[in-house]
Amino acid sequence: MSIAYLGLESLRQIRNARSMIFTLAVPLVMLVAFGGAFGASGQTDPVTKLPWIAVTTIQVAGYGGMMAALSLAFNIVTERSIGWNRQLRLTPLSGTGYLLSKLVASMLMALVSIVVIFSVSGILFHSDLPLANWLTAGLGLWLGVIPFALIGILIGQFAKPEYAQPLFMAVFMGMAVLGGLWIPLQIFPAWVADVAVIVPSYWLNRIGQMGAHQNGDILTPAVVLLVWTVVLAAFIVWRYRRDAARS
């Protein structure tokens, strides 16, 4: 039952054209705008020492993957509002299967977003970064999206329908800014950078850059993202069990 529902949930997300367009349109516009302004000139980013278009693509792909992962919140809010989650508890589907299906569907959406953004960047801007480096950067970003998928599930578990949109935007925009996925952190006061190292989006950007370099202390971002994953997963399981007990 859990495997069957997992397949159906993943297929439902991929076939949701409106959601796919929402999670791809803004990142692609950003890629074309920023890449066209700086990427075609072959400049190198002075901070990361990567080609500017590689830095821009990683930031935009992280932005798109994070958006795709977090957007799962709306589906869960809708299911809770119509009582679908309570109906599922009457079936053989386990709580673990339900939560896992949401996580996998969210990660699948994020993967599509990252692959499309990387592909469009390669077609339009022809970066000289080796293919292997692009692959490790994309893999790092995709695995780094896991905490955001869990945040999306958590928002879906708590938010009421009328508050889901503003809560999503507050979390998403805050994470995007503090992670340097939208605006470089160097232009902000120093205290903003100090706060940024606490949030997972900062380390999502870092792990993508390290993948592109194929060197650096990858253990630090991996551990930070893992800690976020474990804490969020424990909180989600607690919330789900509490919700199930009340219903």
Protein backbone atom coordinates (compact mmCIF):
# COMPACT_ATOMS: atom_id res chain seq x y z
CA MET A 1 0.00 0.00 0.00
CA SER A 2 2.78 2.44 0.91
CA ILE A 3 4.72 1.75 -2.29
CA ALA A 4 1.59 2.10 -4.42
CA TYR A 5 0.67 5.39 -2.78
CA LEU A 6 4.26 6.58 -3.18
CA GLY A 7 4.04 6.01 -6.93
CA LEU A 8 0.65 7.69 -7.22
CA GLU A 9 1.74 10.71 -5.17
CA SER A 10 4.91 11.17 -7.23
CA LEU A 11 2.98 10.90 -10.50
CA ARG A 12 0.38 13.37 -9.25
CA GLN A 13 3.07 15.94 -8.47
CA ILE A 14 4.79 15.59 -11.83
CA ARG A 15 1.47 15.93 -13.68
CA ASN A 16 0.57 19.08 -11.76
CA ALA A 17 1.36 21.54 -14.56
CA ARG A 18 0.52 24.65 -12.53
CA SER A 19 2.87 23.66 -9.74
CA MET A 20 5.67 22.77 -12.18
CA ILE A 21 5.35 26.12 -13.95
CA PHE A 22 5.33 27.95 -10.61
CA THR A 23 8.55 26.28 -9.46
CA LEU A 24 10.34 26.73 -12.80
CA ALA A 25 9.25 30.09 -14.20
CA VAL A 26 10.83 32.42 -11.62
CA PRO A 27 14.19 30.59 -11.40
CA LEU A 28 14.48 30.45 -15.19
CA VAL A 29 13.74 34.17 -15.52
CA MET A 30 16.42 34.86 -12.89
CA LEU A 31 18.89 32.62 -14.71
CA VAL A 32 18.34 34.31 -18.06
CA ALA A 33 18.45 37.80 -16.54
CA PHE A 34 21.55 37.38 -14.37
CA GLY A 35 23.29 34.96 -16.70
CA GLY A 36 22.75 37.23 -19.67
CA ALA A 37 24.10 40.22 -17.75
CA PHE A 38 27.25 38.60 -16.35
CA GLY A 39 27.63 35.03 -17.53
CA ALA A 40 28.32 35.59 -21.19
CA SER A 41 31.37 37.74 -20.46
CA GLY A 42 33.27 34.82 -18.93
CA GLN A 43 33.89 36.63 -15.63
CA THR A 44 35.12 34.77 -12.55
CA ASP A 45 33.50 35.29 -9.18
CA PRO A 46 36.19 36.74 -6.85
CA VAL A 47 34.80 35.00 -3.75
CA THR A 48 34.31 31.43 -4.99
CA LYS A 49 36.84 31.54 -7.87
CA LEU A 50 34.22 29.81 -10.03
CA PRO A 51 32.99 31.08 -13.40
CA TRP A 52 30.29 33.65 -12.73
CA ILE A 53 27.70 31.70 -14.69
CA ALA A 54 28.42 28.61 -12.57
CA VAL A 55 27.88 30.58 -9.36
CA THR A 56 24.67 32.09 -10.75
CA THR A 57 23.37 28.72 -11.96
CA ILE A 58 24.04 27.07 -8.59
CA GLN A 59 22.28 29.88 -6.75
CA VAL A 60 19.27 29.79 -9.08
CA ALA A 61 19.10 25.98 -9.01
CA GLY A 62 19.23 26.03 -5.22
CA TYR A 63 16.48 28.66 -5.26
CA GLY A 64 14.35 26.53 -7.62
CA GLY A 65 14.97 23.28 -5.76
CA MET A 66 14.11 24.91 -2.45
CA MET A 67 10.93 26.40 -3.91
CA ALA A 68 9.87 23.03 -5.35
CA ALA A 69 10.50 21.26 -2.04
CA LEU A 70 8.70 23.83 0.11
CA SER A 71 5.68 24.05 -2.23
CA LEU A 72 4.60 20.60 -1.03
CA ALA A 73 3.15 22.44 1.97
CA PHE A 74 0.14 23.57 -0.06
CA ASN A 75 -0.84 20.00 -0.95
CA ILE A 76 -0.71 18.90 2.68
CA VAL A 77 -2.70 21.93 3.84
CA THR A 78 -5.37 21.15 1.24
CA GLU A 79 -5.50 17.48 2.22
CA ARG A 80 -5.88 18.38 5.89
CA SER A 81 -8.59 20.94 5.17
CA ILE A 82 -10.79 18.42 3.30
CA GLY A 83 -10.08 15.57 5.73
CA TRP A 84 -8.15 13.44 3.23
CA ASN A 85 -5.37 12.66 5.72
CA ARG A 86 -7.93 11.33 8.22
CA GLN A 87 -9.46 9.20 5.46
CA LEU A 88 -6.05 7.72 4.66
CA ARG A 89 -5.65 6.59 8.26
CA LEU A 90 -8.55 4.18 7.69
CA THR A 91 -6.56 2.44 4.96
CA PRO A 92 -3.57 0.06 5.32
CA LEU A 93 -1.28 2.99 4.50
CA SER A 94 1.08 3.55 7.44
CA GLY A 95 2.00 6.94 8.80
CA THR A 96 5.58 6.31 7.73
CA GLY A 97 4.41 5.51 4.21
CA TYR A 98 2.34 8.68 4.04
CA LEU A 99 5.17 10.94 5.22
CA LEU A 100 7.73 9.18 3.04
CA SER A 101 5.51 9.59 -0.02
CA LYS A 102 5.39 13.34 0.57
CA LEU A 103 9.17 13.53 0.99
CA VAL A 104 9.88 11.52 -2.17
CA ALA A 105 7.37 13.50 -4.24
CA SER A 106 8.93 16.75 -3.02
CA MET A 107 12.45 15.54 -3.84
CA LEU A 108 11.31 14.47 -7.30
CA MET A 109 9.94 17.96 -7.97
CA ALA A 110 13.20 19.48 -6.76
CA LEU A 111 15.22 17.16 -9.01
CA VAL A 112 13.21 18.20 -12.07
CA SER A 113 13.76 21.87 -11.20
CA ILE A 114 17.53 21.48 -10.73
CA VAL A 115 17.99 19.43 -13.91
CA VAL A 116 15.99 21.90 -16.03
CA ILE A 117 17.90 24.91 -14.69
CA PHE A 118 21.29 23.26 -15.19
CA SER A 119 20.30 22.17 -18.72
CA VAL A 120 19.07 25.62 -19.75
CA SER A 121 22.24 27.19 -18.36
CA GLY A 122 24.39 24.78 -20.35
CA ILE A 123 22.45 25.41 -23.56
CA LEU A 124 22.42 29.21 -23.27
CA PHE A 125 25.74 30.08 -21.66
CA HIS A 126 28.15 27.19 -22.41
CA SER A 127 30.20 27.34 -19.22
CA ASP A 128 33.64 25.75 -19.43
CA LEU A 129 33.13 24.02 -16.07
CA PRO A 130 33.64 20.24 -16.63
CA LEU A 131 30.55 18.04 -16.79
CA ALA A 132 31.69 16.03 -13.76
CA ASN A 133 31.75 19.22 -11.69
CA TRP A 134 28.23 20.11 -12.81
CA LEU A 135 27.05 16.63 -11.82
CA THR A 136 28.55 16.81 -8.32
CA ALA A 137 27.16 20.33 -7.86
CA GLY A 138 23.70 19.15 -8.90
CA LEU A 139 23.88 16.10 -6.64
CA GLY A 140 24.97 18.25 -3.70
CA LEU A 141 22.08 20.65 -4.27
CA TRP A 142 19.55 17.85 -4.61
CA LEU A 143 20.60 16.11 -1.39
CA GLY A 144 20.81 19.48 0.34
CA VAL A 145 17.14 20.11 -0.47
CA ILE A 146 15.98 17.36 1.96
CA PRO A 147 15.62 19.72 4.97
CA PHE A 148 13.46 22.05 2.88
CA ALA A 149 11.17 19.20 1.88
CA LEU A 150 10.76 18.48 5.60
CA ILE A 151 10.09 22.16 6.31
CA GLY A 152 7.39 22.04 3.63
CA ILE A 153 5.80 19.02 5.33
CA LEU A 154 5.98 20.80 8.68
CA ILE A 155 4.30 23.93 7.32
CA GLY A 156 1.59 21.71 5.84
CA GLN A 157 1.03 20.05 9.20
CA PHE A 158 0.58 23.31 11.11
CA ALA A 159 -0.75 25.96 8.73
CA LYS A 160 -4.40 26.69 8.15
CA PRO A 161 -5.43 27.29 4.51
CA GLU A 162 -5.75 31.08 4.96
CA TYR A 163 -2.26 31.34 6.46
CA ALA A 164 -0.41 28.87 4.23
CA GLN A 165 0.54 31.36 1.49
CA PRO A 166 1.95 34.11 3.75
CA LEU A 167 3.79 31.57 5.91
CA PHE A 168 5.28 29.92 2.83
CA MET A 169 6.43 33.26 1.42
CA ALA A 170 7.95 34.38 4.74
CA VAL A 171 9.93 31.14 5.15
CA PHE A 172 10.92 30.91 1.50
CA MET A 173 12.00 34.52 1.03
CA GLY A 174 13.84 34.57 4.36
CA MET A 175 15.72 31.39 3.48
CA ALA A 176 16.51 32.63 -0.04
CA VAL A 177 17.94 35.93 1.17
CA LEU A 178 19.92 34.48 4.10
CA GLY A 179 21.24 31.69 1.90
CA GLY A 180 22.64 34.10 -0.66
CA LEU A 181 20.49 32.45 -3.31
CA TRP A 182 18.95 35.70 -4.42
CA ILE A 183 21.28 38.50 -3.38
CA PRO A 184 25.00 38.01 -2.52
CA LEU A 185 25.53 38.13 1.24
CA GLN A 186 28.57 40.37 0.76
CA ILE A 187 26.33 43.40 0.20
CA PHE A 188 24.65 42.99 3.61
CA PRO A 189 26.02 44.06 7.03
CA ALA A 190 28.33 41.55 8.71
CA TRP A 191 25.68 40.48 11.24
CA VAL A 192 23.49 39.16 8.42
CA ALA A 193 26.25 36.75 7.40
CA ASP A 194 26.56 35.65 11.03
CA VAL A 195 22.86 34.82 11.13
CA ALA A 196 22.98 33.16 7.71
CA VAL A 197 25.26 30.33 8.86
CA ILE A 198 22.44 29.06 11.08
CA VAL A 199 19.92 28.49 8.28
CA PRO A 200 20.09 25.48 5.92
CA SER A 201 19.85 27.58 2.74
CA TYR A 202 23.32 29.01 3.37
CA TRP A 203 24.76 25.51 3.47
CA LEU A 204 22.69 24.46 0.45
CA ASN A 205 24.46 27.15 -1.55
CA ARG A 206 27.84 26.16 -0.08
CA ILE A 207 27.47 22.46 -0.83
CA GLY A 208 26.56 23.28 -4.43
CA GLN A 209 29.66 25.46 -4.78
CA MET A 210 31.88 22.78 -3.25
CA GLY A 211 30.46 20.25 -5.67
CA ALA A 212 31.35 22.56 -8.53
CA HIS A 213 34.90 22.90 -7.16
CA GLN A 214 35.09 19.20 -6.22
CA ASN A 215 37.12 20.20 -3.19
CA GLY A 216 36.76 22.00 0.15
CA ASP A 217 35.48 21.05 3.58
CA ILE A 218 32.26 19.37 2.43
CA LEU A 219 31.86 17.73 5.86
CA THR A 220 30.70 20.96 7.53
CA PRO A 221 27.71 21.69 5.24
CA ALA A 222 26.84 17.99 5.16
CA VAL A 223 26.75 17.78 8.97
CA VAL A 224 24.73 21.00 9.34
CA LEU A 225 22.16 19.85 6.78
CA LEU A 226 22.03 16.41 8.40
CA VAL A 227 21.34 17.93 11.81
CA TRP A 228 18.53 20.01 10.33
CA THR A 229 17.15 16.86 8.68
CA VAL A 230 17.16 14.79 11.88
CA VAL A 231 15.60 17.53 14.03
CA LEU A 232 12.88 18.32 11.48
CA ALA A 233 12.10 14.64 10.89
CA ALA A 234 11.68 14.05 14.62
CA PHE A 235 9.39 17.06 14.93
CA ILE A 236 7.29 15.91 11.94
CA VAL A 237 6.84 12.40 13.36
CA TRP A 238 5.84 13.86 16.75
CA ARG A 239 3.32 16.19 15.11
CA TYR A 240 1.86 13.45 12.92
CA ARG A 241 1.38 11.08 15.87
CA ARG A 242 -0.22 13.82 17.93
CA ASP A 243 -2.56 14.74 15.07
CA ALA A 244 -3.45 11.07 14.54
CA ALA A 245 -4.20 10.59 18.24
CA ARG A 246 -6.55 13.57 18.30
CA SER A 247 -8.49 12.41 15.22
